[in-house]
Amino acid sequence: MSVFKDVAVRSEDAEKIKNGIIAVALSHYAQDLVVWRCSPTAGDECDWSIIEPQLRKAVAAVWKASLISPLPIYLYHRACYLKLLGMTEESLRLFALFFTKQCEFKPDTIEEIQMKYEGTDIEYALAVAEGSV
């Protein structure tokens, strides 16, 4: 929320900002579910019976994020998690969809702030998606 502390917000934009904050929180939650389970310090916890449910939760979280605030980057994250789950066809479909949507995307000021707060390197994501299709 501190991202918006010096930004004057029109009342008609408040809902979009609130939804954007929730969506980014869901995206960060999804990333945390996956990253800490497969880190070099995860030790014994790094087995498929533990990782698979976490990946499924991550897919659900970024899917919810995309329903709340439809930034294309959430398609990319879903594609990455589905690829890790071995769902290759669906991940390829989402990588292609992300690439198309992101190339067409013209963010407004609120979406630009949301994307910055979300933190994914869009150019890198586009390169990954393009290489996956």
Protein backbone atom coordinates (compact mmCIF):
# COMPACT_ATOMS: atom_id res chain seq x y z
CA MET A 1 0.00 0.00 0.00
CA SER A 2 2.94 2.33 0.54
CA VAL A 3 3.35 2.39 -3.26
CA PHE A 4 0.25 4.59 -3.39
CA LYS A 5 1.03 6.83 -0.37
CA ASP A 6 1.84 9.94 -2.44
CA VAL A 7 -0.68 9.28 -5.20
CA ALA A 8 -3.93 11.20 -5.33
CA VAL A 9 -6.68 8.67 -5.95
CA ARG A 10 -9.99 9.48 -7.53
CA SER A 11 -12.87 7.70 -5.86
CA GLU A 12 -13.68 5.85 -9.11
CA ASP A 13 -10.15 4.35 -9.08
CA ALA A 14 -10.22 3.10 -5.48
CA GLU A 15 -11.75 -0.28 -6.37
CA LYS A 16 -9.19 -0.88 -9.14
CA ILE A 17 -6.35 -0.06 -6.76
CA LYS A 18 -7.77 -2.29 -4.03
CA ASN A 19 -8.19 -5.17 -6.49
CA GLY A 20 -4.68 -4.64 -7.82
CA ILE A 21 -3.20 -4.84 -4.33
CA ILE A 22 -5.11 -8.06 -3.63
CA ALA A 23 -4.05 -9.57 -6.97
CA VAL A 24 -0.38 -8.77 -6.37
CA ALA A 25 -0.61 -10.24 -2.87
CA LEU A 26 -2.01 -13.46 -4.35
CA SER A 27 0.78 -13.54 -6.92
CA HIS A 28 3.44 -13.05 -4.23
CA TYR A 29 1.77 -15.76 -2.12
CA ALA A 30 1.94 -18.16 -5.08
CA GLN A 31 5.62 -17.43 -5.62
CA ASP A 32 6.36 -17.96 -1.94
CA LEU A 33 4.56 -21.32 -1.97
CA VAL A 34 6.86 -22.59 -4.69
CA VAL A 35 10.18 -20.92 -3.92
CA TRP A 36 10.62 -21.90 -0.30
CA ARG A 37 9.79 -25.56 -1.00
CA CYS A 38 12.56 -25.94 -3.59
CA SER A 39 15.28 -23.75 -2.16
CA PRO A 40 18.71 -25.23 -1.39
CA THR A 41 17.83 -25.01 2.33
CA ALA A 42 14.55 -26.94 1.95
CA GLY A 43 16.32 -30.20 2.79
CA ASP A 44 13.98 -33.14 3.28
CA GLU A 45 10.94 -31.05 2.38
CA CYS A 46 11.88 -31.03 -1.30
CA ASP A 47 9.89 -34.07 -2.38
CA TRP A 48 7.10 -34.26 -4.96
CA SER A 49 4.37 -35.26 -2.49
CA ILE A 50 4.91 -31.91 -0.76
CA ILE A 51 5.70 -29.78 -3.81
CA GLU A 52 2.76 -30.84 -6.00
CA PRO A 53 0.01 -29.54 -3.67
CA GLN A 54 1.94 -26.29 -3.27
CA LEU A 55 2.15 -25.88 -7.05
CA ARG A 56 -1.59 -26.51 -7.34
CA LYS A 57 -2.24 -23.84 -4.71
CA ALA A 58 0.05 -21.47 -6.64
CA VAL A 59 -1.92 -22.11 -9.85
CA ALA A 60 -5.17 -21.36 -8.02
CA ALA A 61 -3.75 -18.20 -6.43
CA VAL A 62 -2.57 -16.65 -9.70
CA TRP A 63 -5.79 -17.70 -11.42
CA LYS A 64 -7.70 -15.79 -8.72
CA ALA A 65 -5.32 -12.86 -9.15
CA SER A 66 -6.10 -12.74 -12.87
CA LEU A 67 -9.84 -12.69 -12.15
CA ILE A 68 -9.45 -9.78 -9.76
CA SER A 69 -7.04 -7.78 -11.91
CA PRO A 70 -6.41 -9.13 -15.42
CA LEU A 71 -2.75 -8.24 -15.94
CA PRO A 72 -1.20 -10.53 -18.56
CA ILE A 73 1.68 -11.45 -16.23
CA TYR A 74 -0.64 -13.71 -14.24
CA LEU A 75 -1.03 -15.88 -17.35
CA TYR A 76 2.74 -16.23 -17.44
CA HIS A 77 2.92 -17.31 -13.80
CA ARG A 78 0.16 -19.88 -14.31
CA ALA A 79 1.98 -21.23 -17.35
CA CYS A 80 5.20 -21.61 -15.33
CA TYR A 81 3.47 -23.48 -12.49
CA LEU A 82 1.56 -25.72 -14.89
CA LYS A 83 4.80 -26.53 -16.69
CA LEU A 84 6.33 -27.60 -13.37
CA LEU A 85 3.27 -29.80 -12.82
CA GLY A 86 3.93 -31.49 -16.16
CA MET A 87 0.87 -29.99 -17.84
CA THR A 88 2.81 -29.12 -20.97
CA GLU A 89 -0.03 -28.49 -23.44
CA GLU A 90 -1.86 -26.13 -21.11
CA SER A 91 1.34 -24.32 -20.17
CA LEU A 92 2.24 -23.81 -23.85
CA ARG A 93 -1.26 -22.47 -24.52
CA LEU A 94 -0.92 -20.00 -21.63
CA PHE A 95 2.61 -18.93 -22.63
CA ALA A 96 1.28 -18.14 -26.12
CA LEU A 97 -1.73 -16.32 -24.71
CA PHE A 98 0.49 -14.34 -22.32
CA PHE A 99 2.82 -13.36 -25.16
CA THR A 100 -0.06 -12.11 -27.30
CA LYS A 101 -1.87 -10.29 -24.47
CA GLN A 102 1.30 -8.68 -23.12
CA CYS A 103 2.35 -7.42 -26.57
CA GLU A 104 -1.09 -5.81 -26.99
CA PHE A 105 -1.29 -4.51 -23.41
CA LYS A 106 -1.34 -0.74 -22.88
CA PRO A 107 -1.33 -0.25 -19.11
CA ASP A 108 -2.84 2.80 -17.51
CA THR A 109 -1.07 4.54 -14.61
CA ILE A 110 -2.62 2.29 -11.97
CA GLU A 111 -1.68 -0.85 -13.90
CA GLU A 112 1.88 0.42 -14.35
CA ILE A 113 2.21 0.88 -10.58
CA GLN A 114 0.66 -2.54 -10.01
CA MET A 115 3.10 -4.17 -12.45
CA LYS A 116 6.04 -2.47 -10.74
CA TYR A 117 4.80 -3.69 -7.34
CA GLU A 118 4.24 -7.21 -8.74
CA GLY A 119 7.91 -7.18 -9.69
CA THR A 120 8.24 -9.61 -12.59
CA ASP A 121 10.69 -8.66 -15.34
CA ILE A 122 8.28 -8.46 -18.28
CA GLU A 123 11.02 -8.61 -20.94
CA TYR A 124 12.38 -11.79 -19.40
CA ALA A 125 8.88 -13.31 -19.16
CA LEU A 126 8.24 -12.46 -22.83
CA ALA A 127 11.52 -14.14 -23.83
CA VAL A 128 10.65 -17.27 -21.83
CA ALA A 129 7.15 -17.38 -23.28
CA GLU A 130 8.40 -16.85 -26.83
CA GLY A 131 10.97 -19.61 -26.39
CA SER A 132 8.33 -21.98 -25.04
CA VAL A 133 5.95 -21.67 -27.95
